[in-house]
């Protein structure tokens, strides 16, 4: 499962922004979301996925496979935005993430949930042919997909389901706010990884080694306060890199002040 194709204009804007950015090493990428402060912000401000997403995944899973709901595996699980909705749906849920700092924010009192710190490319803790559903929320683009898919196919039961999804905020529901949003990202240019383009393409550039593919585009409107939106922006991989290189920067605060002036009531309504 994935998403409907991005518009050519949207993709072109990101390609133009990231022109010249080099591809990063795996070690560099694996360290982007390590750190207690970023993990704290990520856990507090990263948006939840809409229930419609999980309804669609389970409808697909129940219709196209004879596998049941014994075990779900969520890779790149972080603090649980993609993991916790699976808990009431499966007998056992396993979350895997490379960052212990993120895993530390996962709830610890859930009997049927187990977490492991490990790269998604090495699912040593999972037996072969044992998983009914593998999910990855906003994580697949960070992985060495050749290695990961080899492991995913090993642990999935025959006919099992794999669902990869991410979200994009493409519209702040105001032309001037959208302009400010683009200008902010333009300033972040040198701190955005080349993986950002994979997201802009909505995973179309990934070669999925599965027989049956279904792409979905779920539109959702979210309301955020200015402070919540600031936290969301600060949870991006680019922000710690930028702020470390520019320790006296006020650019994020200036962006929020600009949005405050536009919306007036301290609330934005971005559409995912």
Protein backbone atom coordinates (compact mmCIF):
# COMPACT_ATOMS: atom_id res chain seq x y z
CA UNK A 1 0.00 0.00 0.00
CA UNK A 2 1.18 3.51 -0.70
CA UNK A 3 -0.30 6.75 -1.93
CA UNK A 4 -1.63 8.34 -5.08
CA UNK A 5 1.10 9.98 -7.18
CA UNK A 6 2.29 13.45 -6.25
CA UNK A 7 1.54 16.25 -8.67
CA UNK A 8 4.39 17.12 -11.07
CA UNK A 9 4.45 20.65 -9.65
CA UNK A 10 4.88 19.41 -6.09
CA UNK A 11 7.69 17.02 -7.01
CA UNK A 12 9.41 19.62 -9.17
CA UNK A 13 9.47 22.09 -6.29
CA UNK A 14 11.32 19.60 -4.09
CA UNK A 15 13.65 18.51 -6.88
CA UNK A 16 14.58 22.14 -7.44
CA UNK A 17 15.11 22.72 -3.73
CA UNK A 18 17.31 19.65 -3.27
CA UNK A 19 19.30 19.98 -6.49
CA UNK A 20 22.94 19.36 -5.67
CA UNK A 21 22.37 17.66 -2.32
CA UNK A 22 24.53 14.54 -2.12
CA UNK A 23 23.33 11.11 -1.05
CA UNK A 24 24.20 10.42 2.56
CA UNK A 25 25.93 7.38 4.05
CA UNK A 26 23.85 4.81 5.92
CA UNK A 27 25.73 5.62 9.14
CA UNK A 28 24.81 9.29 8.79
CA UNK A 29 21.13 8.47 8.22
CA UNK A 30 21.00 6.02 11.12
CA UNK A 31 22.13 8.73 13.55
CA UNK A 32 19.64 11.41 12.49
CA UNK A 33 16.95 10.50 15.00
CA UNK A 34 19.21 9.65 17.90
CA UNK A 35 19.30 12.11 20.78
CA UNK A 36 17.10 12.59 23.83
CA UNK A 37 15.95 16.12 23.04
CA UNK A 38 14.82 15.35 19.48
CA UNK A 39 13.12 12.17 20.73
CA UNK A 40 11.21 14.19 23.32
CA UNK A 41 10.00 16.67 20.70
CA UNK A 42 9.20 13.89 18.21
CA UNK A 43 7.10 12.00 20.75
CA UNK A 44 5.21 15.11 21.82
CA UNK A 45 4.49 16.77 18.48
CA UNK A 46 4.57 14.25 15.66
CA UNK A 47 1.00 13.93 14.31
CA UNK A 48 -1.00 10.75 14.75
CA UNK A 49 -2.08 8.84 11.67
CA UNK A 50 -5.81 8.99 10.88
CA UNK A 51 -7.95 6.01 11.82
CA UNK A 52 -9.01 5.80 8.17
CA UNK A 53 -5.49 4.62 7.34
CA UNK A 54 -5.62 1.64 9.66
CA UNK A 55 -9.18 0.84 8.60
CA UNK A 56 -7.95 0.69 5.00
CA UNK A 57 -4.97 -1.48 5.89
CA UNK A 58 -7.06 -3.99 7.81
CA UNK A 59 -9.76 -4.10 5.14
CA UNK A 60 -7.08 -4.92 2.59
CA UNK A 61 -5.43 -7.46 4.88
CA UNK A 62 -8.67 -9.26 5.70
CA UNK A 63 -9.82 -9.34 2.07
CA UNK A 64 -6.70 -10.47 0.22
CA UNK A 65 -5.04 -12.87 2.64
CA UNK A 66 -6.06 -15.95 4.57
CA UNK A 67 -3.64 -14.93 7.32
CA UNK A 68 -5.20 -13.87 10.56
CA UNK A 69 -4.24 -11.26 13.12
CA UNK A 70 -1.74 -13.12 15.24
CA UNK A 71 1.25 -10.82 14.88
CA UNK A 72 2.02 -7.36 13.50
CA UNK A 73 5.49 -5.87 13.13
CA UNK A 74 6.01 -2.10 12.94
CA UNK A 75 9.47 -1.09 11.73
CA UNK A 76 10.94 2.37 12.32
CA UNK A 77 8.32 2.51 15.05
CA UNK A 78 9.72 5.46 17.00
CA UNK A 79 7.62 6.32 20.07
CA UNK A 80 4.60 4.50 18.67
CA UNK A 81 2.54 6.77 16.40
CA UNK A 82 2.28 3.90 13.91
CA UNK A 83 2.53 1.07 16.44
CA UNK A 84 -0.09 1.78 19.07
CA UNK A 85 -3.09 1.70 16.69
CA UNK A 86 -2.15 -1.92 15.90
CA UNK A 87 -2.29 -3.06 19.54
CA UNK A 88 -6.07 -3.67 19.71
CA UNK A 89 -6.03 -5.30 16.27
CA UNK A 90 -3.47 -8.08 16.79
CA UNK A 91 -2.71 -10.69 19.44
CA UNK A 92 0.94 -9.60 19.45
CA UNK A 93 2.63 -6.42 18.20
CA UNK A 94 6.38 -5.88 17.86
CA UNK A 95 7.99 -2.48 17.33
CA UNK A 96 11.52 -2.10 16.01
CA UNK A 97 13.55 1.10 15.84
CA UNK A 98 17.22 1.98 15.64
CA UNK A 99 16.88 4.77 18.22
CA UNK A 100 16.60 3.78 21.87
CA UNK A 101 15.89 7.43 22.64
CA UNK A 102 12.68 7.19 20.60
CA UNK A 103 11.78 3.78 22.02
CA UNK A 104 12.06 5.19 25.54
CA UNK A 105 8.88 7.19 24.83
CA UNK A 106 6.87 4.09 23.89
CA UNK A 107 4.34 3.07 26.58
CA UNK A 108 5.71 0.23 28.71
CA UNK A 109 2.51 -1.18 30.22
CA UNK A 110 0.97 -2.85 27.15
CA UNK A 111 0.94 -6.67 27.58
CA UNK A 112 0.87 -7.58 23.88
CA UNK A 113 3.50 -5.02 22.77
CA UNK A 114 7.24 -5.71 22.66
CA UNK A 115 9.94 -3.38 21.34
CA UNK A 116 13.50 -3.94 20.16
CA UNK A 117 16.31 -1.57 19.29
CA UNK A 118 17.64 -2.72 15.94
CA UNK A 119 17.95 -1.62 12.33
CA UNK A 120 14.92 -2.67 10.31
CA UNK A 121 17.35 -4.39 7.96
CA UNK A 122 18.20 -6.90 10.70
CA UNK A 123 15.08 -8.50 12.18
CA UNK A 124 17.04 -11.09 14.15
CA UNK A 125 14.35 -11.24 16.84
CA UNK A 126 11.60 -12.34 14.43
CA UNK A 127 11.18 -15.94 13.29
CA UNK A 128 10.76 -16.69 9.61
CA UNK A 129 7.20 -16.96 8.28
CA UNK A 130 5.72 -15.63 11.52
CA UNK A 131 4.33 -12.15 10.80
CA UNK A 132 0.87 -11.43 9.40
CA UNK A 133 1.36 -7.69 8.82
CA UNK A 134 4.43 -5.45 8.56
CA UNK A 135 3.92 -1.70 8.75
CA UNK A 136 6.27 1.24 8.37
CA UNK A 137 5.07 4.75 9.09
CA UNK A 138 7.30 7.53 7.72
CA UNK A 139 10.25 5.16 7.87
CA UNK A 140 10.73 3.23 4.65
CA UNK A 141 12.59 6.05 2.88
CA UNK A 142 15.34 5.93 5.52
CA UNK A 143 16.12 2.26 4.93
CA UNK A 144 18.38 0.27 2.68
CA UNK A 145 15.33 -1.15 0.94
CA UNK A 146 17.18 -4.03 -0.73
CA UNK A 147 18.32 -5.38 2.63
CA UNK A 148 15.06 -4.54 4.39
CA UNK A 149 12.80 -6.19 1.81
CA UNK A 150 14.93 -9.34 2.02
CA UNK A 151 14.25 -9.47 5.76
CA UNK A 152 10.61 -8.49 5.36
CA UNK A 153 9.98 -11.34 2.93
CA UNK A 154 11.73 -13.72 5.30
CA UNK A 155 9.58 -12.91 8.34
CA UNK A 156 6.24 -12.44 6.55
CA UNK A 157 3.94 -15.41 6.37
CA UNK A 158 3.16 -16.49 2.79
CA UNK A 159 0.48 -14.11 1.58
CA UNK A 160 1.20 -11.65 4.39
CA UNK A 161 0.62 -7.90 4.11
CA UNK A 162 3.18 -5.10 3.98
CA UNK A 163 1.98 -1.51 4.36
CA UNK A 164 4.26 1.53 4.06
CA UNK A 165 2.88 5.01 4.51
CA UNK A 166 3.95 8.56 5.25
CA UNK A 167 2.31 11.96 5.45
CA UNK A 168 2.95 15.27 3.76
CA UNK A 169 1.66 18.67 4.75
CA UNK A 170 1.08 20.27 1.39
CA UNK A 171 -1.33 23.07 2.22
CA UNK A 172 -1.63 25.39 5.21
CA UNK A 173 -5.01 26.61 3.97
CA UNK A 174 -3.71 30.11 3.26
CA UNK A 175 -1.67 31.36 0.31
CA UNK A 176 0.58 33.61 2.40
CA UNK A 177 1.14 30.82 4.94
CA UNK A 178 2.08 28.43 2.16
CA UNK A 179 4.60 30.98 0.89
CA UNK A 180 6.13 31.28 4.36
CA UNK A 181 6.24 27.47 4.63
CA UNK A 182 8.17 27.15 1.37
CA UNK A 183 10.56 29.94 2.33
CA UNK A 184 11.31 28.23 5.63
CA UNK A 185 12.17 24.97 3.88
CA UNK A 186 14.32 26.85 1.39
CA UNK A 187 16.44 28.01 4.32
CA UNK A 188 16.72 24.40 5.49
CA UNK A 189 17.97 23.26 2.06
CA UNK A 190 21.48 22.25 3.09
CA UNK A 191 20.16 20.24 6.05
CA UNK A 192 17.52 18.21 4.22
CA UNK A 193 18.60 14.73 3.18
CA UNK A 194 18.24 13.34 -0.31
CA UNK A 195 15.65 10.93 1.15
CA UNK A 196 13.21 13.85 1.20
CA UNK A 197 12.70 13.34 -2.54
CA UNK A 198 11.50 9.78 -1.96
CA UNK A 199 8.76 11.20 0.24
CA UNK A 200 7.93 13.90 -2.32
CA UNK A 201 7.42 11.10 -4.87
CA UNK A 202 5.19 9.28 -2.35
CA UNK A 203 7.37 6.16 -2.56
CA UNK A 204 6.80 5.78 -6.31
CA UNK A 205 10.56 5.53 -6.85
CA UNK A 206 10.87 2.53 -4.51
CA UNK A 207 10.97 -0.89 -6.17
CA UNK A 208 8.56 -2.99 -4.12
CA UNK A 209 9.26 -6.75 -4.54
CA UNK A 210 5.65 -7.80 -4.02
CA UNK A 211 3.11 -9.23 -6.44
CA UNK A 212 0.06 -7.21 -5.44
CA UNK A 213 0.38 -3.45 -4.94
CA UNK A 214 -2.34 -1.03 -3.95
CA UNK A 215 -1.82 2.71 -3.58
CA UNK A 216 -4.04 4.95 -1.48
CA UNK A 217 -4.13 8.69 -0.91
CA UNK A 218 -5.97 9.62 2.29
CA UNK A 219 -6.70 13.32 2.68
CA UNK A 220 -7.00 14.56 6.25
CA UNK A 221 -7.33 18.05 7.66
CA UNK A 222 -5.65 18.76 10.97
CA UNK A 223 -5.95 21.69 13.31
CA UNK A 224 -2.85 22.73 15.21
CA UNK A 225 -2.01 25.60 17.48
CA UNK A 226 1.00 27.64 16.49
CA UNK A 227 2.98 26.02 19.32
CA UNK A 228 2.00 22.53 18.14
CA UNK A 229 3.02 23.33 14.58
CA UNK A 230 6.32 24.72 15.85
CA UNK A 231 6.92 21.46 17.70
CA UNK A 232 6.10 19.47 14.57
CA UNK A 233 8.61 21.47 12.53
CA UNK A 234 11.24 21.04 15.26
CA UNK A 235 10.74 17.25 15.11
CA UNK A 236 12.14 17.09 11.57
CA UNK A 237 15.57 15.58 11.02
CA UNK A 238 16.84 18.87 9.60
CA UNK A 239 16.13 21.08 12.62
CA UNK A 240 18.80 19.80 15.07
CA UNK A 241 21.36 19.97 12.25
CA UNK A 242 20.40 23.53 11.36
CA UNK A 243 20.17 24.78 14.94
CA UNK A 244 23.55 23.28 15.85
CA UNK A 245 25.14 25.04 12.89
CA UNK A 246 23.24 28.26 13.66
CA UNK A 247 23.00 28.39 17.48
CA UNK A 248 21.71 31.98 17.60
CA UNK A 249 19.02 31.46 14.97
CA UNK A 250 15.50 32.81 15.43
CA UNK A 251 14.23 31.50 12.10
CA UNK A 252 11.70 29.02 13.51
CA UNK A 253 10.32 31.60 15.94
CA UNK A 254 10.15 34.15 13.11
CA UNK A 255 8.24 31.64 10.97
CA UNK A 256 5.74 31.07 13.78
CA UNK A 257 5.32 34.82 14.36
CA UNK A 258 4.57 35.17 10.67
CA UNK A 259 1.92 32.45 10.89
CA UNK A 260 0.48 34.08 14.01
CA UNK A 261 0.02 37.31 12.09
CA UNK A 262 -1.61 35.46 9.19
CA UNK A 263 -4.05 33.35 11.19
CA UNK A 264 -4.58 35.70 14.10
CA UNK A 265 -6.20 33.11 16.38
CA UNK A 266 -3.03 31.03 16.87
CA UNK A 267 -4.45 28.08 14.96
CA UNK A 268 -3.34 26.69 11.64
CA UNK A 269 -5.24 24.05 9.67
CA UNK A 270 -2.74 22.20 7.50
CA UNK A 271 -4.03 19.48 5.19
CA UNK A 272 -1.96 16.32 5.19
